[in-house]
PDB file of N, CA and C in Angstrom:
ATOM      1  N   MET A   1      33.964 216.024  82.657  1.00  0.00           N
ATOM      2  CA  MET A   1      32.829 216.828  82.248  1.00  0.00           C
ATOM      3  C   MET A   1      32.027 217.253  83.458  1.00  0.00           C
ATOM      4  N   ARG A   2      31.460 218.399  83.365  1.00  0.00           N
ATOM      5  CA  ARG A   2      30.605 218.884  84.430  1.00  0.00           C
ATOM      6  C   ARG A   2      29.204 218.327  84.251  1.00  0.00           C
ATOM      7  N   LYS A   3      28.417 218.323  85.323  1.00  0.00           N
ATOM      8  CA  LYS A   3      27.057 217.791  85.271  1.00  0.00           C
ATOM      9  C   LYS A   3      26.178 218.562  84.291  1.00  0.00           C
ATOM     10  N   GLY A   4      26.266 219.858  84.294  1.00  0.00           N
ATOM     11  CA  GLY A   4      25.468 220.680  83.390  1.00  0.00           C
ATOM     12  C   GLY A   4      25.805 220.407  81.937  1.00  0.00           C
ATOM     13  N   SER A   5      27.080 220.209  81.671  1.00  0.00           N
ATOM     14  CA  SER A   5      27.520 219.934  80.310  1.00  0.00           C
ATOM     15  C   SER A   5      27.016 218.571  79.834  1.00  0.00           C
ATOM     16  N   LEU A   6      27.036 217.585  80.715  1.00  0.00           N
ATOM     17  CA  LEU A   6      26.553 216.253  80.373  1.00  0.00           C
ATOM     18  C   LEU A   6      25.047 216.270  80.124  1.00  0.00           C
ATOM     19  N   LYS A   7      24.329 217.041  80.939  1.00  0.00           N
ATOM     20  CA  LYS A   7      22.880 217.158  80.765  1.00  0.00           C
ATOM     21  C   LYS A   7      22.558 217.818  79.420  1.00  0.00           C
ATOM     22  N   THR A   8      23.304 218.853  79.073  1.00  0.00           N
ATOM     23  CA  THR A   8      23.111 219.537  77.799  1.00  0.00           C
ATOM     24  C   THR A   8      23.436 218.606  76.633  1.00  0.00           C
ATOM     25  N   THR A   9      24.491 217.825  76.762  1.00  0.00           N
ATOM     26  CA  THR A   9      24.874 216.887  75.717  1.00  0.00           C
ATOM     27  C   THR A   9      23.792 215.826  75.511  1.00  0.00           C
ATOM     28  N   LYS A  10      23.235 215.304  76.595  1.00  0.00           N
ATOM     29  CA  LYS A  10      22.156 214.322  76.493  1.00  0.00           C
ATOM     30  C   LYS A  10      20.933 214.929  75.818  1.00  0.00           C
ATOM     31  N   PHE A  11      20.599 216.150  76.214  1.00  0.00           N
ATOM     32  CA  PHE A  11      19.444 216.817  75.628  1.00  0.00           C
ATOM     33  C   PHE A  11      19.640 217.014  74.130  1.00  0.00           C
ATOM     34  N   LEU A  12      20.819 217.495  73.742  1.00  0.00           N
ATOM     35  CA  LEU A  12      21.106 217.708  72.321  1.00  0.00           C
ATOM     36  C   LEU A  12      21.080 216.391  71.546  1.00  0.00           C
ATOM     37  N   SER A  13      21.592 215.330  72.137  1.00  0.00           N
ATOM     38  CA  SER A  13      21.578 214.030  71.471  1.00  0.00           C
ATOM     39  C   SER A  13      20.153 213.548  71.235  1.00  0.00           C
ATOM     40  N   VAL A  14      19.316 213.660  72.250  1.00  0.00           N
ATOM     41  CA  VAL A  14      17.918 213.243  72.113  1.00  0.00           C
ATOM     42  C   VAL A  14      17.207 214.124  71.094  1.00  0.00           C
ATOM     43  N   PHE A  15      17.471 215.419  71.128  1.00  0.00           N
ATOM     44  CA  PHE A  15      16.851 216.348  70.187  1.00  0.00           C
ATOM     45  C   PHE A  15      17.253 216.016  68.748  1.00  0.00           C
ATOM     46  N   ILE A  16      18.522 215.775  68.523  1.00  0.00           N
ATOM     47  CA  ILE A  16      19.008 215.480  67.175  1.00  0.00           C
ATOM     48  C   ILE A  16      18.438 214.155  66.682  1.00  0.00           C
ATOM     49  N   LEU A  17      18.407 213.139  67.538  1.00  0.00           N
ATOM     50  CA  LEU A  17      17.822 211.856  67.134  1.00  0.00           C
ATOM     51  C   LEU A  17      16.338 211.995  66.822  1.00  0.00           C
ATOM     52  N   SER A  18      15.633 212.777  67.620  1.00  0.00           N
ATOM     53  CA  SER A  18      14.214 213.007  67.358  1.00  0.00           C
ATOM     54  C   SER A  18      14.018 213.735  66.035  1.00  0.00           C
ATOM     55  N   LEU A  19      14.827 214.723  65.790  1.00  0.00           N
ATOM     56  CA  LEU A  19      14.743 215.486  64.543  1.00  0.00           C
ATOM     57  C   LEU A  19      15.041 214.594  63.335  1.00  0.00           C
ATOM     58  N   LEU A  20      16.057 213.764  63.433  1.00  0.00           N
ATOM     59  CA  LEU A  20      16.386 212.849  62.336  1.00  0.00           C
ATOM     60  C   LEU A  20      15.271 211.840  62.099  1.00  0.00           C
ATOM     61  N   SER A  21      14.671 211.351  63.164  1.00  0.00           N
ATOM     62  CA  SER A  21      13.550 210.420  63.024  1.00  0.00           C
ATOM     63  C   SER A  21      12.384 211.088  62.311  1.00  0.00           C
ATOM     64  N   PHE A  22      12.077 212.309  62.709  1.00  0.00           N
ATOM     65  CA  PHE A  22      10.979 213.041  62.090  1.00  0.00           C
ATOM     66  C   PHE A  22      11.254 213.303  60.615  1.00  0.00           C
ATOM     67  N   LEU A  23      12.469 213.722  60.303  1.00  0.00           N
ATOM     68  CA  LEU A  23      12.809 214.012  58.909  1.00  0.00           C
ATOM     69  C   LEU A  23      12.792 212.752  58.048  1.00  0.00           C
ATOM     70  N   SER A  24      13.262 211.634  58.573  1.00  0.00           N
ATOM     71  CA  SER A  24      13.226 210.407  57.788  1.00  0.00           C
ATOM     72  C   SER A  24      11.789 209.940  57.595  1.00  0.00           C
ATOM     73  N   TYR A  25      10.933 210.139  58.597  1.00  0.00           N
ATOM     74  CA  TYR A  25       9.512 209.797  58.448  1.00  0.00           C
ATOM     75  C   TYR A  25       8.890 210.639  57.344  1.00  0.00           C
ATOM     76  N   LYS A  26       9.174 211.933  57.333  1.00  0.00           N
ATOM     77  CA  LYS A  26       8.622 212.826  56.309  1.00  0.00           C
ATOM     78  C   LYS A  26       9.150 212.461  54.925  1.00  0.00           C
ATOM     79  N   ALA A  27      10.394 212.020  54.844  1.00  0.00           N
ATOM     80  CA  ALA A  27      10.973 211.673  53.554  1.00  0.00           C
ATOM     81  C   ALA A  27      10.323 210.422  52.966  1.00  0.00           C
ATOM     82  N   PHE A  28       9.929 209.476  53.826  1.00  0.00           N
ATOM     83  CA  PHE A  28       9.367 208.227  53.330  1.00  0.00           C
ATOM     84  C   PHE A  28       7.853 208.206  53.311  1.00  0.00           C
ATOM     85  N   SER A  29       7.213 209.150  53.985  1.00  0.00           N
ATOM     86  CA  SER A  29       5.750 209.171  53.933  1.00  0.00           C
ATOM     87  C   SER A  29       5.333 209.898  52.663  1.00  0.00           C
ATOM     88  N   GLN A  30       4.497 209.252  51.902  1.00  0.00           N
ATOM     89  CA  GLN A  30       4.068 209.806  50.633  1.00  0.00           C
ATOM     90  C   GLN A  30       2.569 209.666  50.520  1.00  0.00           C
ATOM     91  N   ASN A  31       2.009 210.418  49.626  1.00  0.00           N
ATOM     92  CA  ASN A  31       0.590 210.278  49.346  1.00  0.00           C
ATOM     93  C   ASN A  31       0.435 209.293  48.199  1.00  0.00           C
ATOM     94  N   ILE A  32       0.159 208.067  48.562  1.00  0.00           N
ATOM     95  CA  ILE A  32      -0.022 206.999  47.589  1.00  0.00           C
ATOM     96  C   ILE A  32      -1.512 206.737  47.457  1.00  0.00           C
ATOM     97  N   THR A  33      -1.982 206.645  46.235  1.00  0.00           N
ATOM     98  CA  THR A  33      -3.394 206.386  45.979  1.00  0.00           C
ATOM     99  C   THR A  33      -3.737 204.969  46.420  1.00  0.00           C
ATOM    100  N   SER A  34      -4.741 204.850  47.256  1.00  0.00           N
ATOM    101  CA  SER A  34      -5.172 203.524  47.708  1.00  0.00           C
ATOM    102  C   SER A  34      -5.998 202.864  46.607  1.00  0.00           C
ATOM    103  N   PRO A  35      -6.113 201.545  46.633  1.00  0.00           N
ATOM    104  CA  PRO A  35      -6.945 200.875  45.634  1.00  0.00           C
ATOM    105  C   PRO A  35      -8.400 201.362  45.669  1.00  0.00           C
ATOM    106  N   GLU A  36      -8.910 201.623  46.870  1.00  0.00           N
ATOM    107  CA  GLU A  36     -10.289 202.102  46.989  1.00  0.00           C
ATOM    108  C   GLU A  36     -10.471 203.462  46.333  1.00  0.00           C
ATOM    109  N   ASP A  37      -9.481 204.344  46.503  1.00  0.00           N
ATOM    110  CA  ASP A  37      -9.567 205.667  45.877  1.00  0.00           C
ATOM    111  C   ASP A  37      -9.442 205.575  44.355  1.00  0.00           C
ATOM    112  N   HIS A  38      -8.607 204.687  43.886  1.00  0.00           N
ATOM    113  CA  HIS A  38      -8.392 204.557  42.439  1.00  0.00           C
ATOM    114  C   HIS A  38      -9.595 203.931  41.734  1.00  0.00           C
ATOM    115  N   PHE A  39     -10.104 202.851  42.282  1.00  0.00           N
ATOM    116  CA  PHE A  39     -11.182 202.123  41.614  1.00  0.00           C
ATOM    117  C   PHE A  39     -12.576 202.599  42.018  1.00  0.00           C
ATOM    118  N   GLY A  40     -12.689 203.266  43.157  1.00  0.00           N
ATOM    119  CA  GLY A  40     -13.985 203.758  43.598  1.00  0.00           C
ATOM    120  C   GLY A  40     -14.765 202.763  44.443  1.00  0.00           C
ATOM    121  N   TYR A  41     -14.163 201.645  44.749  1.00  0.00           N
ATOM    122  CA  TYR A  41     -14.785 200.634  45.604  1.00  0.00           C
ATOM    123  C   TYR A  41     -13.680 199.756  46.174  1.00  0.00           C
ATOM    124  N   GLN A  42     -14.025 198.989  47.188  1.00  0.00           N
ATOM    125  CA  GLN A  42     -13.043 198.099  47.791  1.00  0.00           C
ATOM    126  C   GLN A  42     -12.784 196.928  46.854  1.00  0.00           C
ATOM    127  N   VAL A  43     -11.518 196.654  46.587  1.00  0.00           N
ATOM    128  CA  VAL A  43     -11.160 195.577  45.673  1.00  0.00           C
ATOM    129  C   VAL A  43     -11.635 194.253  46.260  1.00  0.00           C
ATOM    130  N   GLY A  44     -12.321 193.478  45.441  1.00  0.00           N
ATOM    131  CA  GLY A  44     -12.838 192.195  45.883  1.00  0.00           C
ATOM    132  C   GLY A  44     -14.221 192.252  46.479  1.00  0.00           C
ATOM    133  N   ALA A  45     -14.812 193.446  46.533  1.00  0.00           N
ATOM    134  CA  ALA A  45     -16.164 193.573  47.068  1.00  0.00           C
ATOM    135  C   ALA A  45     -17.146 192.862  46.138  1.00  0.00           C
ATOM    136  N   ASP A  46     -18.282 192.470  46.672  1.00  0.00           N
ATOM    137  CA  ASP A  46     -19.292 191.780  45.872  1.00  0.00           C
ATOM    138  C   ASP A  46     -19.645 192.593  44.628  1.00  0.00           C
ATOM    139  N   TYR A  47     -19.658 191.914  43.497  1.00  0.00           N
ATOM    140  CA  TYR A  47     -20.042 192.479  42.201  1.00  0.00           C
ATOM    141  C   TYR A  47     -19.079 193.562  41.707  1.00  0.00           C
ATOM    142  N   HIS A  48     -17.896 193.630  42.285  1.00  0.00           N
ATOM    143  CA  HIS A  48     -16.881 194.591  41.851  1.00  0.00           C
ATOM    144  C   HIS A  48     -15.541 193.881  41.740  1.00  0.00           C
ATOM    145  N   LEU A  49     -15.217 193.458  40.552  1.00  0.00           N
ATOM    146  CA  LEU A  49     -13.931 192.824  40.303  1.00  0.00           C
ATOM    147  C   LEU A  49     -13.160 193.656  39.291  1.00  0.00           C
ATOM    148  N   ILE A  50     -11.833 193.645  39.421  1.00  0.00           N
ATOM    149  CA  ILE A  50     -11.001 194.359  38.458  1.00  0.00           C
ATOM    150  C   ILE A  50     -10.403 193.338  37.500  1.00  0.00           C
ATOM    151  N   ASP A  51     -10.137 193.771  36.288  1.00  0.00           N
ATOM    152  CA  ASP A  51      -9.491 192.886  35.331  1.00  0.00           C
ATOM    153  C   ASP A  51      -7.997 193.224  35.258  1.00  0.00           C
ATOM    154  N   TYR A  52      -7.296 192.506  34.424  1.00  0.00           N
ATOM    155  CA  TYR A  52      -5.848 192.666  34.318  1.00  0.00           C
ATOM    156  C   TYR A  52      -5.457 194.078  33.906  1.00  0.00           C
ATOM    157  N   GLN A  53      -6.141 194.630  32.917  1.00  0.00           N
ATOM    158  CA  GLN A  53      -5.804 195.977  32.430  1.00  0.00           C
ATOM    159  C   GLN A  53      -5.996 197.023  33.529  1.00  0.00           C
ATOM    160  N   GLN A  54      -7.041 196.902  34.316  1.00  0.00           N
ATOM    161  CA  GLN A  54      -7.265 197.848  35.412  1.00  0.00           C
ATOM    162  C   GLN A  54      -6.155 197.728  36.460  1.00  0.00           C
ATOM    163  N   ALA A  55      -5.719 196.504  36.728  1.00  0.00           N
ATOM    164  CA  ALA A  55      -4.630 196.300  37.682  1.00  0.00           C
ATOM    165  C   ALA A  55      -3.344 196.929  37.175  1.00  0.00           C
ATOM    166  N   VAL A  56      -3.054 196.757  35.890  1.00  0.00           N
ATOM    167  CA  VAL A  56      -1.836 197.334  35.301  1.00  0.00           C
ATOM    168  C   VAL A  56      -1.888 198.861  35.349  1.00  0.00           C
ATOM    169  N   GLU A  57      -3.037 199.446  35.053  1.00  0.00           N
ATOM    170  CA  GLU A  57      -3.176 200.902  35.141  1.00  0.00           C
ATOM    171  C   GLU A  57      -2.894 201.398  36.557  1.00  0.00           C
ATOM    172  N   TYR A  58      -3.395 200.672  37.549  1.00  0.00           N
ATOM    173  CA  TYR A  58      -3.150 201.054  38.944  1.00  0.00           C
ATOM    174  C   TYR A  58      -1.666 200.921  39.285  1.00  0.00           C
ATOM    175  N   TRP A  59      -1.030 199.845  38.838  1.00  0.00           N
ATOM    176  CA  TRP A  59       0.392 199.675  39.113  1.00  0.00           C
ATOM    177  C   TRP A  59       1.217 200.773  38.455  1.00  0.00           C
ATOM    178  N   LYS A  60       0.844 201.193  37.262  1.00  0.00           N
ATOM    179  CA  LYS A  60       1.550 202.302  36.592  1.00  0.00           C
ATOM    180  C   LYS A  60       1.383 203.598  37.371  1.00  0.00           C
ATOM    181  N   LYS A  61       0.187 203.809  37.923  1.00  0.00           N
ATOM    182  CA  LYS A  61      -0.046 204.998  38.738  1.00  0.00           C
ATOM    183  C   LYS A  61       0.832 204.965  39.990  1.00  0.00           C
ATOM    184  N   LEU A  62       0.934 203.793  40.617  1.00  0.00           N
ATOM    185  CA  LEU A  62       1.806 203.657  41.788  1.00  0.00           C
ATOM    186  C   LEU A  62       3.261 203.904  41.425  1.00  0.00           C
ATOM    187  N   GLU A  63       3.684 203.427  40.273  1.00  0.00           N
ATOM    188  CA  GLU A  63       5.062 203.654  39.830  1.00  0.00           C
ATOM    189  C   GLU A  63       5.351 205.143  39.666  1.00  0.00           C
ATOM    190  N   ALA A  64       4.372 205.894  39.177  1.00  0.00           N
ATOM    191  CA  ALA A  64       4.548 207.339  39.003  1.00  0.00           C
ATOM    192  C   ALA A  64       4.552 208.071  40.346  1.00  0.00           C
ATOM    193  N   GLU A  65       3.860 207.536  41.333  1.00  0.00           N
ATOM    194  CA  GLU A  65       3.738 208.207  42.628  1.00  0.00           C
ATOM    195  C   GLU A  65       4.861 207.865  43.599  1.00  0.00           C
ATOM    196  N   SER A  66       5.542 206.763  43.387  1.00  0.00           N
ATOM    197  CA  SER A  66       6.518 206.314  44.376  1.00  0.00           C
ATOM    198  C   SER A  66       7.797 205.810  43.716  1.00  0.00           C
ATOM    199  N   PRO A  67       8.940 206.124  44.316  1.00  0.00           N
ATOM    200  CA  PRO A  67      10.196 205.571  43.804  1.00  0.00           C
ATOM    201  C   PRO A  67      10.412 204.129  44.263  1.00  0.00           C
ATOM    202  N   ARG A  68       9.487 203.593  45.060  1.00  0.00           N
ATOM    203  CA  ARG A  68       9.654 202.252  45.618  1.00  0.00           C
ATOM    204  C   ARG A  68       9.093 201.146  44.722  1.00  0.00           C
ATOM    205  N   ILE A  69       8.510 201.490  43.605  1.00  0.00           N
ATOM    206  CA  ILE A  69       7.986 200.477  42.698  1.00  0.00           C
ATOM    207  C   ILE A  69       8.489 200.774  41.297  1.00  0.00           C
ATOM    208  N   LYS A  70       8.900 199.724  40.616  1.00  0.00           N
ATOM    209  CA  LYS A  70       9.402 199.851  39.248  1.00  0.00           C
ATOM    210  C   LYS A  70       8.792 198.716  38.436  1.00  0.00           C
ATOM    211  N   LEU A  71       8.078 199.063  37.394  1.00  0.00           N
ATOM    212  CA  LEU A  71       7.481 198.076  36.511  1.00  0.00           C
ATOM    213  C   LEU A  71       8.399 197.846  35.317  1.00  0.00           C
ATOM    214  N   PHE A  72       8.470 196.625  34.887  1.00  0.00           N
ATOM    215  CA  PHE A  72       9.225 196.321  33.678  1.00  0.00           C
ATOM    216  C   PHE A  72       8.521 195.180  32.953  1.00  0.00           C
ATOM    217  N   GLU A  73       8.738 195.126  31.655  1.00  0.00           N
ATOM    218  CA  GLU A  73       8.118 194.093  30.847  1.00  0.00           C
ATOM    219  C   GLU A  73       8.957 192.830  30.946  1.00  0.00           C
ATOM    220  N   TYR A  74       8.334 191.772  31.400  1.00  0.00           N
ATOM    221  CA  TYR A  74       9.031 190.504  31.585  1.00  0.00           C
ATOM    222  C   TYR A  74       9.012 189.683  30.301  1.00  0.00           C
ATOM    223  N   GLY A  75       7.970 189.824  29.549  1.00  0.00           N
ATOM    224  CA  GLY A  75       7.855 189.090  28.292  1.00  0.00           C
ATOM    225  C   GLY A  75       6.537 189.423  27.630  1.00  0.00           C
ATOM    226  N   LYS A  76       6.380 188.944  26.428  1.00  0.00           N
ATOM    227  CA  LYS A  76       5.121 189.193  25.693  1.00  0.00           C
ATOM    228  C   LYS A  76       4.295 187.917  25.718  1.00  0.00           C
ATOM    229  N   SER A  77       3.011 188.110  25.847  1.00  0.00           N
ATOM    230  CA  SER A  77       2.096 186.994  25.861  1.00  0.00           C
ATOM    231  C   SER A  77       1.501 186.811  24.464  1.00  0.00           C
ATOM    232  N   SER A  78       1.219 185.599  24.103  1.00  0.00           N
ATOM    233  CA  SER A  78       0.605 185.350  22.814  1.00  0.00           C
ATOM    234  C   SER A  78      -0.883 185.677  22.843  1.00  0.00           C
ATOM    235  N   GLU A  79      -1.407 185.972  24.010  1.00  0.00           N
ATOM    236  CA  GLU A  79      -2.838 186.242  24.129  1.00  0.00           C
ATOM    237  C   GLU A  79      -3.186 187.713  23.988  1.00  0.00           C
ATOM    238  N   LEU A  80      -2.211 188.574  23.795  1.00  0.00           N
ATOM    239  CA  LEU A  80      -2.514 190.000  23.666  1.00  0.00           C
ATOM    240  C   LEU A  80      -2.838 190.390  22.265  1.00  0.00           C
TER     241      LEU A  80
END
């Protein structure tokens, strides 16, 4: 191989790897609602606690926003 050809090959390799890194970052970066945005306050802040139903609603919202979370019913409680 000639020097110019090797330099071009290295440049193309770095360019392609950079492009693939950028595309994979874009594919996995999503707009996920933070707990603060959903509830309107920081979770666990003084005088602001969430109950079970609020937590489940937030988890359902996350399931709709991301393919990385899947909710399923594990069982029924006698307390419902």
